[in-house]
Amino acid sequence: MKEVPFANALALVSGLVSLICAAGVWLARDAFVGLFGEIFHGIDLAALPIKEVTMGGVITGLIVVVISGWVLGYIFASLYNKLAK
């Protein structure tokens, strides 16, 4: 498995998921809060303070998610290659 292409793919997918999530929160906050409460086993996310979605926050989050996805993808592919020998 080639590390860089795998890392690039994971970074791209992570970025797309982040943008879809941001759009969902912006368009239907209550539905997303409820959905993520169910995903995290009933944690009441509605009890947490709510911030407005800002373009700066979306961009910052997107950058962090894409970089993290790339690094984790590279580490995963590298470990896979070492363990597959």
Protein backbone atom coordinates (compact mmCIF):
# COMPACT_ATOMS: atom_id res chain seq x y z
CA MET A 1 0.00 0.00 0.00
CA LYS A 2 1.44 3.36 -0.97
CA GLU A 3 1.50 5.68 2.04
CA VAL A 4 1.09 9.06 0.32
CA PRO A 5 -1.88 8.17 -1.93
CA PHE A 6 -3.64 6.51 1.02
CA ALA A 7 -2.96 9.55 3.21
CA ASN A 8 -4.20 11.88 0.45
CA ALA A 9 -7.42 9.87 0.09
CA LEU A 10 -8.09 9.84 3.83
CA ALA A 11 -7.41 13.58 4.08
CA LEU A 12 -9.84 14.26 1.21
CA VAL A 13 -12.58 12.06 2.66
CA SER A 14 -12.08 13.59 6.12
CA GLY A 15 -12.36 17.08 4.68
CA LEU A 16 -15.55 16.23 2.79
CA VAL A 17 -17.14 14.71 5.89
CA SER A 18 -16.17 17.80 7.88
CA LEU A 19 -17.80 20.10 5.30
CA ILE A 20 -20.94 17.96 5.17
CA CYS A 21 -21.15 18.03 8.96
CA ALA A 22 -20.68 21.81 9.06
CA ALA A 23 -23.41 22.24 6.45
CA GLY A 24 -25.71 19.96 8.41
CA VAL A 25 -25.20 21.90 11.63
CA TRP A 26 -25.74 25.18 9.80
CA LEU A 27 -28.92 23.97 8.05
CA ALA A 28 -30.48 21.76 10.72
CA ARG A 29 -28.76 22.25 14.08
CA ASP A 30 -31.37 20.52 16.24
CA ALA A 31 -31.49 17.45 14.02
CA PHE A 32 -27.69 17.16 14.02
CA VAL A 33 -27.45 17.63 17.77
CA GLY A 34 -30.01 14.86 18.21
CA LEU A 35 -28.27 12.58 15.71
CA PHE A 36 -24.85 12.98 17.30
CA GLY A 37 -26.36 12.45 20.74
CA GLU A 38 -27.54 9.06 19.50
CA ILE A 39 -24.19 8.25 17.87
CA PHE A 40 -22.43 8.99 21.17
CA HIS A 41 -24.72 6.65 23.10
CA GLY A 42 -27.28 9.09 24.39
CA ILE A 43 -25.03 11.92 25.58
CA ASP A 44 -27.22 15.00 25.83
CA LEU A 45 -25.37 17.35 23.54
CA ALA A 46 -28.28 19.78 23.70
CA ALA A 47 -27.21 20.56 27.29
CA LEU A 48 -23.90 21.97 26.05
CA PRO A 49 -23.53 25.65 25.22
CA ILE A 50 -24.24 26.34 21.55
CA LYS A 51 -21.96 28.46 19.38
CA GLU A 52 -22.94 29.83 16.02
CA VAL A 53 -21.28 28.30 13.00
CA THR A 54 -18.75 30.76 11.57
CA MET A 55 -16.76 30.60 8.36
CA GLY A 56 -13.55 30.97 10.37
CA GLY A 57 -14.51 28.08 12.60
CA VAL A 58 -15.40 25.90 9.62
CA ILE A 59 -12.09 26.68 7.90
CA THR A 60 -10.05 26.10 11.06
CA GLY A 61 -11.83 22.81 11.73
CA LEU A 62 -11.40 21.77 8.10
CA ILE A 63 -7.66 22.44 8.21
CA VAL A 64 -7.24 20.45 11.43
CA VAL A 65 -9.32 17.53 10.13
CA VAL A 66 -7.52 17.36 6.78
CA ILE A 67 -4.04 17.50 8.36
CA SER A 68 -5.01 14.94 11.01
CA GLY A 69 -6.53 12.68 8.36
CA TRP A 70 -3.38 12.86 6.25
CA VAL A 71 -1.05 12.11 9.16
CA LEU A 72 -3.20 9.24 10.43
CA GLY A 73 -3.57 7.86 6.91
CA TYR A 74 0.18 7.89 6.39
CA ILE A 75 0.83 6.23 9.76
CA PHE A 76 -1.86 3.61 9.09
CA ALA A 77 -0.49 2.72 5.63
CA SER A 78 3.07 2.64 6.93
CA LEU A 79 2.15 0.32 9.80
CA TYR A 80 0.07 -1.83 7.47
CA ASN A 81 3.06 -2.26 5.17
CA LYS A 82 5.36 -3.20 8.05
CA LEU A 83 2.87 -5.69 9.52
CA ALA A 84 2.01 -7.23 6.14
CA LYS A 85 5.61 -8.41 5.61
